[in-house]
Amino acid sequence: MNAGRSKDRLEAPALMDAALRRAGRARFADLSFVEPLTRLLRAYEEEAQLSRFGRVAARFDVMRCLGNLLRFDAAEEADPAIVRRPIERPVFITGLPRSSTTFLHTLMAQDPGNVVPLCWQLIYPYPWNTRFFRHDFRRDWVEMQFRLFRLSSPGVADLHPLAADTPQECTDITAQVFQSLRFDTTHHIPSYQTWFDARGHADAFRFHRRFLQHLDARDRRWILKSPDHVFALDAILEVYPDARIVFLHRDPLSVVASCAKLTELLRRPFTRRLDRKEVGHQVASRLIESANRMAEAAGTVNGRILHLHYRDVVSDPMSAVLAVYGHCGLDLNQGSHRAMQCWLEARRKHRKRRYDLSEFGLDPGWLRQAFARYMDVFDVRRENAA
């Protein structure tokens, strides 16, 4: 490795020192993030085959997260009551990707009594230094970042909304302490993923609660969403004992190729090497594990879980909302009902794209067998598109 390349290495101590200097602080209050960060950076260096853009983006992302942690430390020193703010009866929407989790999450966000984390809030939870900036540029800066990413990975916006004001998944919260399944989606880092699977999500969701306390929803109820919550149910229920869970179910063969394509597009700008078959088998294996975990949860914590099916949600959204509200012991008032109806009427329907399983080296017959248990437990009907 040449000297110039060595200077570009992503190393936790150097990045932490730089973040402390930038923030004008002497130390981090909680160092539990150091091991996850070290593992992640090692995987970036040894496995991800980062492109030049990928290396710059990784450094930028780590520095942003470290800066947020230091801002949290400073805010808690100024107001220790932050960490005593209650987070009561949050609702977690999860299930297979592409099963209308984003649709339901955004629909429920139309109720003023609900609060969802927005992209710009998760990326920059606190305003920048007001001594230098009179205007809060966070939304604008995040929108610019998304515009750059859409240009660098054409087609990604067709598969997932990328806008500053859209509701965002919780993986961007736990990423602040470098314990998130989003890293494995955007990079090929199997050693990090193996380590994280063995470690579990408890620390990540203790920070998740701390993050929500800083966003301060006052008396509104949190509606949270991520397909990756399936892998963290134990941690969620440990940190939020009064949480309610919503599972969304869909024919897995209608989602596998789409998920693989999204993973391909998310990784493409960051790496020098991309193997579609490798992506396909990694995505399929993860989805099979997700489906099996849902089947196991149905026999253990099923009383806390509401089960909805994709076809029912998209064909009669308001009935699905009423089912969620009933499951969570909530009332839907007329104003909120009207706001949801207005959003449904104004919503643009995106053109559906189909992707071929063979493009990712996947066999439909093998997938049918692998998902058979899930299909049977939840009585999931096959879709013609699959």
Protein backbone atom coordinates (compact mmCIF):
# COMPACT_ATOMS: atom_id res chain seq x y z
CA MET A 1 0.00 0.00 0.00
CA ASN A 2 1.45 3.36 -0.99
CA ALA A 3 1.73 6.35 1.33
CA GLY A 4 -1.10 8.27 -0.34
CA ARG A 5 -3.44 5.32 -0.02
CA SER A 6 -2.45 4.88 3.66
CA LYS A 7 -3.53 8.45 4.40
CA ASP A 8 -6.97 7.61 3.04
CA ARG A 9 -7.48 4.65 5.36
CA LEU A 10 -10.63 4.72 7.44
CA GLU A 11 -9.51 4.30 11.04
CA ALA A 12 -11.65 4.88 14.11
CA PRO A 13 -9.13 6.75 16.35
CA ALA A 14 -8.26 9.32 13.65
CA LEU A 15 -11.88 9.95 12.75
CA MET A 16 -12.88 10.27 16.41
CA ASP A 17 -10.07 12.77 17.06
CA ALA A 18 -11.16 14.80 14.03
CA ALA A 19 -14.77 14.82 15.23
CA LEU A 20 -13.74 15.98 18.71
CA ARG A 21 -11.63 18.81 17.28
CA ARG A 22 -14.46 19.90 14.99
CA ALA A 23 -16.95 19.92 17.89
CA GLY A 24 -14.55 21.55 20.33
CA ARG A 25 -15.07 18.77 22.88
CA ALA A 26 -12.62 16.72 24.91
CA ARG A 27 -14.29 13.29 24.85
CA PHE A 28 -17.31 11.19 23.97
CA ALA A 29 -19.61 10.53 26.93
CA ASP A 30 -20.33 6.94 25.84
CA LEU A 31 -17.71 4.86 24.03
CA SER A 32 -19.88 1.81 23.36
CA PHE A 33 -19.91 2.74 19.65
CA VAL A 34 -16.14 2.27 19.26
CA GLU A 35 -16.13 -1.50 18.70
CA PRO A 36 -18.98 -1.40 16.14
CA LEU A 37 -17.25 1.47 14.32
CA THR A 38 -13.93 -0.36 14.32
CA ARG A 39 -15.54 -3.54 12.95
CA LEU A 40 -17.38 -1.60 10.27
CA LEU A 41 -14.30 0.30 9.09
CA ARG A 42 -12.22 -2.88 8.99
CA ALA A 43 -14.87 -4.51 6.80
CA TYR A 44 -14.92 -1.45 4.55
CA GLU A 45 -11.16 -1.69 4.10
CA GLU A 46 -10.91 -5.46 3.68
CA GLU A 47 -14.14 -6.47 1.93
CA ALA A 48 -16.14 -3.60 0.44
CA GLN A 49 -13.65 -2.71 -2.33
CA LEU A 50 -14.59 0.93 -1.97
CA SER A 51 -14.50 3.17 -4.99
CA ARG A 52 -13.00 6.61 -4.62
CA PHE A 53 -16.50 8.03 -4.19
CA GLY A 54 -17.31 5.22 -1.76
CA ARG A 55 -14.31 6.06 0.42
CA VAL A 56 -15.19 9.76 0.51
CA ALA A 57 -18.84 8.94 1.24
CA ALA A 58 -17.93 6.53 4.05
CA ARG A 59 -15.70 9.12 5.72
CA PHE A 60 -18.41 11.77 5.36
CA ASP A 61 -21.05 9.45 6.84
CA VAL A 62 -18.90 8.44 9.82
CA MET A 63 -17.96 12.04 10.60
CA ARG A 64 -21.62 13.07 10.44
CA CYS A 65 -22.63 10.33 12.89
CA LEU A 66 -19.78 11.11 15.28
CA GLY A 67 -20.74 14.78 15.16
CA ASN A 68 -24.34 13.91 16.01
CA LEU A 69 -23.20 11.84 19.00
CA LEU A 70 -21.17 14.75 20.32
CA ARG A 71 -24.12 17.10 19.79
CA PHE A 72 -26.28 14.71 21.84
CA ASP A 73 -23.66 14.72 24.61
CA ALA A 74 -23.64 18.53 24.69
CA ALA A 75 -27.44 18.76 24.68
CA GLU A 76 -27.73 16.31 27.58
CA GLU A 77 -25.15 18.23 29.60
CA ALA A 78 -27.20 21.38 29.09
CA ASP A 79 -30.52 19.63 29.81
CA PRO A 80 -30.24 16.27 31.63
CA ALA A 81 -34.05 15.92 31.49
CA ILE A 82 -33.80 14.96 27.80
CA VAL A 83 -33.08 11.33 28.65
CA ARG A 84 -36.12 11.22 30.93
CA ARG A 85 -38.59 12.09 28.19
CA PRO A 86 -41.13 9.27 27.91
CA ILE A 87 -41.56 7.24 24.72
CA GLU A 88 -44.90 5.51 25.21
CA ARG A 89 -46.61 2.80 23.16
CA PRO A 90 -44.64 3.25 19.93
CA VAL A 91 -45.87 1.37 16.86
CA PHE A 92 -43.32 -0.58 14.80
CA ILE A 93 -44.28 -1.49 11.22
CA THR A 94 -42.23 -4.29 9.71
CA GLY A 95 -42.41 -7.32 7.43
CA LEU A 96 -40.94 -8.23 4.07
CA PRO A 97 -39.58 -5.33 2.00
CA ARG A 98 -41.81 -4.16 -0.85
CA SER A 99 -44.89 -5.25 1.11
CA SER A 100 -46.36 -1.72 1.50
CA THR A 101 -44.56 -0.86 4.76
CA THR A 102 -43.53 2.55 3.37
CA PHE A 103 -47.05 3.16 2.05
CA LEU A 104 -48.70 2.39 5.40
CA HIS A 105 -46.06 4.36 7.33
CA THR A 106 -46.58 7.46 5.20
CA LEU A 107 -50.37 7.12 5.32
CA MET A 108 -50.37 7.00 9.13
CA ALA A 109 -48.11 10.05 9.19
CA GLN A 110 -51.06 12.11 7.90
CA ASP A 111 -52.61 11.91 11.39
CA PRO A 112 -51.33 14.96 13.36
CA GLY A 113 -51.44 12.83 16.50
CA ASN A 114 -48.75 10.58 15.04
CA VAL A 115 -45.11 11.45 14.45
CA VAL A 116 -42.68 9.74 12.11
CA PRO A 117 -38.93 10.35 11.76
CA LEU A 118 -38.17 12.28 8.57
CA CYS A 119 -35.04 11.81 6.49
CA TRP A 120 -33.55 15.22 7.20
CA GLN A 121 -34.18 14.85 10.96
CA LEU A 122 -32.35 11.54 11.15
CA ILE A 123 -29.38 12.78 9.15
CA TYR A 124 -29.07 16.07 11.07
CA PRO A 125 -31.15 15.94 14.28
CA TYR A 126 -29.86 19.30 15.54
CA PRO A 127 -29.51 22.64 13.72
CA TRP A 128 -26.06 23.78 12.67
CA ASN A 129 -24.20 26.51 14.51
CA THR A 130 -26.64 29.41 14.63
CA ARG A 131 -23.79 31.90 15.06
CA PHE A 132 -22.89 31.35 11.41
CA PHE A 133 -26.20 30.27 9.86
CA ARG A 134 -29.38 32.27 10.35
CA HIS A 135 -31.40 29.91 8.15
CA ASP A 136 -31.79 26.20 8.97
CA PHE A 137 -30.25 24.59 5.87
CA ARG A 138 -30.65 20.97 6.97
CA ARG A 139 -33.55 20.09 4.66
CA ASP A 140 -31.88 21.81 1.69
CA TRP A 141 -28.54 20.10 2.30
CA VAL A 142 -30.12 16.66 2.62
CA GLU A 143 -32.15 17.22 -0.55
CA MET A 144 -28.95 18.13 -2.37
CA GLN A 145 -27.28 14.95 -1.14
CA PHE A 146 -30.20 12.86 -2.39
CA ARG A 147 -30.08 14.63 -5.75
CA LEU A 148 -26.40 13.73 -6.06
CA PHE A 149 -27.09 10.11 -5.19
CA ARG A 150 -29.94 9.87 -7.72
CA LEU A 151 -27.54 11.11 -10.39
CA SER A 152 -24.83 8.64 -9.36
CA SER A 153 -27.22 5.66 -9.32
CA PRO A 154 -29.91 6.09 -12.01
CA GLY A 155 -33.06 4.13 -11.33
CA VAL A 156 -32.80 4.02 -7.55
CA ALA A 157 -35.60 6.56 -7.06
CA ASP A 158 -37.97 4.27 -8.98
CA LEU A 159 -37.57 1.65 -6.26
CA HIS A 160 -37.42 3.74 -3.10
CA PRO A 161 -38.40 7.36 -2.34
CA LEU A 162 -35.42 9.64 -1.81
CA ALA A 163 -36.48 13.02 -0.50
CA ALA A 164 -35.62 15.05 2.59
CA ASP A 165 -39.20 15.25 3.86
CA THR A 166 -40.17 11.59 3.42
CA PRO A 167 -40.56 9.29 6.46
CA GLN A 168 -37.38 7.31 7.05
CA GLU A 169 -36.57 3.88 8.43
CA CYS A 170 -35.08 3.29 11.86
CA THR A 171 -31.92 1.81 10.35
CA ASP A 172 -30.73 5.39 9.93
CA ILE A 173 -31.15 5.91 13.68
CA THR A 174 -29.14 2.88 14.77
CA ALA A 175 -26.54 3.69 12.10
CA GLN A 176 -25.54 6.67 14.28
CA VAL A 177 -23.85 4.17 16.63
CA PHE A 178 -22.68 1.97 13.73
CA GLN A 179 -25.05 -0.89 14.56
CA SER A 180 -27.40 -1.03 11.62
CA LEU A 181 -28.41 -3.45 8.91
CA ARG A 182 -28.30 -0.62 6.39
CA PHE A 183 -24.52 -0.92 6.12
CA ASP A 184 -24.85 -4.47 4.79
CA THR A 185 -27.32 -3.22 2.18
CA THR A 186 -25.07 -0.50 0.82
CA HIS A 187 -21.78 -2.44 1.05
CA HIS A 188 -20.47 -5.99 0.78
CA ILE A 189 -19.20 -6.45 4.36
CA PRO A 190 -19.90 -10.06 5.46
CA SER A 191 -17.55 -10.00 8.47
CA TYR A 192 -19.34 -7.00 9.97
CA GLN A 193 -22.72 -8.59 9.34
CA THR A 194 -21.70 -11.88 10.97
CA TRP A 195 -20.39 -9.99 14.00
CA PHE A 196 -23.52 -7.85 14.26
CA ASP A 197 -25.85 -10.85 13.99
CA ALA A 198 -24.02 -12.50 16.90
CA ARG A 199 -23.96 -9.30 18.98
CA GLY A 200 -27.67 -8.57 18.73
CA HIS A 201 -29.57 -5.28 18.64
CA ALA A 202 -30.10 -4.39 22.31
CA ASP A 203 -27.46 -1.63 22.45
CA ALA A 204 -28.65 -0.26 19.12
CA PHE A 205 -32.21 0.11 20.35
CA ARG A 206 -31.20 1.64 23.65
CA PHE A 207 -29.61 4.34 21.52
CA HIS A 208 -32.73 4.34 19.34
CA ARG A 209 -34.76 5.39 22.38
CA ARG A 210 -32.22 8.08 23.25
CA PHE A 211 -32.43 9.42 19.69
CA LEU A 212 -36.22 9.69 19.82
CA GLN A 213 -35.95 11.51 23.15
CA HIS A 214 -33.80 14.13 21.45
CA LEU A 215 -36.29 14.56 18.60
CA ASP A 216 -38.93 15.21 21.30
CA ALA A 217 -42.36 14.37 19.90
CA ARG A 218 -44.09 15.83 22.98
CA ASP A 219 -47.42 14.05 23.46
CA ARG A 220 -47.64 12.49 20.00
CA ARG A 221 -47.17 8.76 19.38
CA TRP A 222 -44.23 7.44 17.36
CA ILE A 223 -44.96 5.40 14.23
CA LEU A 224 -41.74 3.65 13.22
CA LYS A 225 -40.93 1.45 10.28
CA SER A 226 -38.30 -0.86 8.84
CA PRO A 227 -38.34 -4.37 7.37
CA ASP A 228 -35.16 -4.93 9.39
CA HIS A 229 -37.15 -4.73 12.65
CA VAL A 230 -37.92 -8.41 12.09
CA PHE A 231 -34.33 -9.14 13.17
CA ALA A 232 -34.58 -7.01 16.31
CA LEU A 233 -37.93 -7.93 17.87
CA ASP A 234 -36.39 -9.07 21.16
CA ALA A 235 -34.44 -5.82 21.49
CA ILE A 236 -37.45 -3.69 20.57
CA LEU A 237 -39.65 -5.34 23.19
CA GLU A 238 -36.90 -5.10 25.80
CA VAL A 239 -36.39 -1.37 25.26
CA TYR A 240 -40.06 -0.59 24.56
CA PRO A 241 -42.12 -3.04 26.67
CA ASP A 242 -45.38 -1.36 25.64
CA ALA A 243 -44.61 -1.35 21.89
CA ARG A 244 -47.07 -2.65 19.33
CA ILE A 245 -45.89 -4.51 16.23
CA VAL A 246 -47.46 -4.65 12.76
CA PHE A 247 -46.34 -7.38 10.33
CA LEU A 248 -47.04 -6.93 6.62
CA HIS A 249 -47.06 -10.09 4.51
CA ARG A 250 -46.63 -10.63 0.78
CA ASP A 251 -45.70 -13.36 -1.68
CA PRO A 252 -41.88 -13.34 -1.34
CA LEU A 253 -41.32 -14.15 -5.01
CA SER A 254 -42.88 -10.81 -5.88
CA VAL A 255 -40.22 -8.96 -3.88
CA VAL A 256 -36.92 -10.85 -4.13
CA ALA A 257 -35.77 -9.56 -7.52
CA SER A 258 -36.88 -6.01 -6.68
CA CYS A 259 -34.92 -6.10 -3.39
CA ALA A 260 -31.87 -7.44 -5.19
CA LYS A 261 -32.11 -4.67 -7.77
CA LEU A 262 -32.41 -2.02 -5.07
CA THR A 263 -29.36 -3.43 -3.28
CA GLU A 264 -27.42 -3.40 -6.55
CA LEU A 265 -28.32 0.24 -7.20
CA LEU A 266 -27.54 1.32 -3.63
CA ARG A 267 -24.10 -0.32 -3.75
CA ARG A 268 -23.06 0.66 -7.25
CA PRO A 269 -21.62 4.14 -6.53
CA PHE A 270 -19.63 2.95 -3.52
CA THR A 271 -17.73 -0.06 -4.85
CA ARG A 272 -15.25 -1.02 -7.55
CA ARG A 273 -16.73 -4.51 -7.88
CA LEU A 274 -20.36 -5.61 -8.08
CA ASP A 275 -21.44 -9.22 -8.65
CA ARG A 276 -25.18 -9.48 -9.32
CA LYS A 277 -25.34 -13.18 -8.50
CA GLU A 278 -23.57 -12.55 -5.20
CA VAL A 279 -26.06 -9.76 -4.45
CA GLY A 280 -28.99 -11.98 -5.41
CA HIS A 281 -28.01 -14.86 -3.17
CA GLN A 282 -27.21 -12.57 -0.24
CA VAL A 283 -30.57 -10.78 -0.55
CA ALA A 284 -32.50 -14.03 -0.98
CA SER A 285 -30.81 -15.62 2.05
CA ARG A 286 -31.61 -12.60 4.18
CA LEU A 287 -35.25 -12.58 3.06
CA ILE A 288 -35.59 -16.29 3.80
CA GLU A 289 -34.20 -15.68 7.29
CA SER A 290 -36.59 -12.75 7.74
CA ALA A 291 -39.58 -14.88 6.72
CA ASN A 292 -38.57 -17.68 9.09
CA ARG A 293 -38.12 -15.23 11.95
CA MET A 294 -41.63 -13.91 11.40
CA ALA A 295 -42.96 -17.45 11.49
CA GLU A 296 -41.15 -18.05 14.79
CA ALA A 297 -42.43 -14.77 16.26
CA ALA A 298 -45.99 -15.78 15.42
CA GLY A 299 -45.64 -18.58 17.96
CA THR A 300 -43.97 -16.57 20.73
CA VAL A 301 -45.01 -12.89 20.81
CA ASN A 302 -48.03 -13.16 18.54
CA GLY A 303 -50.35 -11.36 20.98
CA ARG A 304 -48.35 -8.18 20.41
CA ILE A 305 -48.39 -8.50 16.61
CA LEU A 306 -51.05 -7.47 14.09
CA HIS A 307 -50.83 -9.32 10.77
CA LEU A 308 -51.84 -7.54 7.56
CA HIS A 309 -51.53 -8.68 3.96
CA TYR A 310 -50.18 -6.56 1.13
CA ARG A 311 -53.20 -7.08 -1.11
CA ASP A 312 -55.61 -5.98 1.60
CA VAL A 313 -53.56 -2.89 2.48
CA VAL A 314 -53.32 -1.62 -1.09
CA SER A 315 -56.93 -2.48 -1.98
CA ASP A 316 -58.51 -0.96 1.16
CA PRO A 317 -55.95 1.25 2.93
CA MET A 318 -58.35 2.84 5.41
CA SER A 319 -59.53 -0.55 6.68
CA ALA A 320 -55.87 -1.42 7.26
CA VAL A 321 -55.38 1.83 9.19
CA LEU A 322 -58.44 1.12 11.33
CA ALA A 323 -57.09 -2.36 12.06
CA VAL A 324 -53.78 -0.86 13.22
CA TYR A 325 -55.54 1.70 15.39
CA GLY A 326 -57.73 -0.98 16.93
CA HIS A 327 -54.71 -3.19 17.63
CA CYS A 328 -52.92 -0.29 19.32
CA GLY A 329 -55.94 0.95 21.30
CA LEU A 330 -56.06 4.23 19.39
CA ASP A 331 -58.94 6.32 18.05
CA LEU A 332 -58.97 7.77 14.56
CA ASN A 333 -60.80 11.11 14.62
CA GLN A 334 -62.65 12.58 11.66
CA GLY A 335 -59.97 15.17 10.90
CA SER A 336 -57.22 12.59 10.72
CA HIS A 337 -59.41 10.26 8.67
CA ARG A 338 -60.05 13.09 6.22
CA ALA A 339 -56.33 13.94 6.02
CA MET A 340 -55.50 10.33 5.15
CA GLN A 341 -58.21 10.23 2.50
CA CYS A 342 -56.87 13.43 0.94
CA TRP A 343 -53.36 11.98 0.81
CA LEU A 344 -54.64 8.82 -0.84
CA GLU A 345 -56.49 10.83 -3.47
CA ALA A 346 -53.48 13.02 -4.22
CA ARG A 347 -50.87 10.27 -4.16
CA ARG A 348 -49.01 9.57 -7.35
CA LYS A 349 -48.89 5.96 -8.37
CA HIS A 350 -45.42 4.93 -9.46
CA ARG A 351 -44.99 2.77 -12.52
CA LYS A 352 -44.27 -0.77 -11.39
CA ARG A 353 -41.10 -2.31 -12.71
CA ARG A 354 -40.46 -6.03 -13.00
CA TYR A 355 -37.07 -7.60 -12.50
CA ASP A 356 -35.99 -11.05 -13.55
CA LEU A 357 -34.80 -13.48 -10.87
CA SER A 358 -32.38 -15.03 -13.36
CA GLU A 359 -30.60 -11.67 -13.58
CA PHE A 360 -29.40 -12.39 -10.04
CA GLY A 361 -28.80 -16.11 -10.46
CA LEU A 362 -31.91 -17.14 -8.53
CA ASP A 363 -34.17 -20.12 -9.22
CA PRO A 364 -37.93 -19.65 -8.59
CA GLY A 365 -38.42 -23.31 -7.67
CA TRP A 366 -35.75 -23.19 -5.00
CA LEU A 367 -37.20 -19.96 -3.62
CA ARG A 368 -40.72 -21.44 -3.47
CA GLN A 369 -39.43 -24.29 -1.33
CA ALA A 370 -37.40 -21.95 0.88
CA PHE A 371 -40.41 -19.73 1.58
CA ALA A 372 -42.95 -22.55 1.94
CA ARG A 373 -43.10 -22.37 5.73
CA TYR A 374 -43.74 -18.63 5.70
CA MET A 375 -46.44 -18.93 3.04
CA ASP A 376 -48.19 -21.66 5.02
CA VAL A 377 -47.98 -20.06 8.50
CA PHE A 378 -49.43 -16.74 7.33
CA ASP A 379 -51.68 -18.08 4.58
CA VAL A 380 -49.98 -15.90 1.99
CA ARG A 381 -51.45 -16.20 -1.48
CA ARG A 382 -49.29 -16.37 -4.57
CA GLU A 383 -49.27 -13.34 -6.84
CA ASN A 384 -49.48 -13.67 -10.59
CA ALA A 385 -46.46 -11.44 -11.04
CA ALA A 386 -44.33 -13.94 -9.11
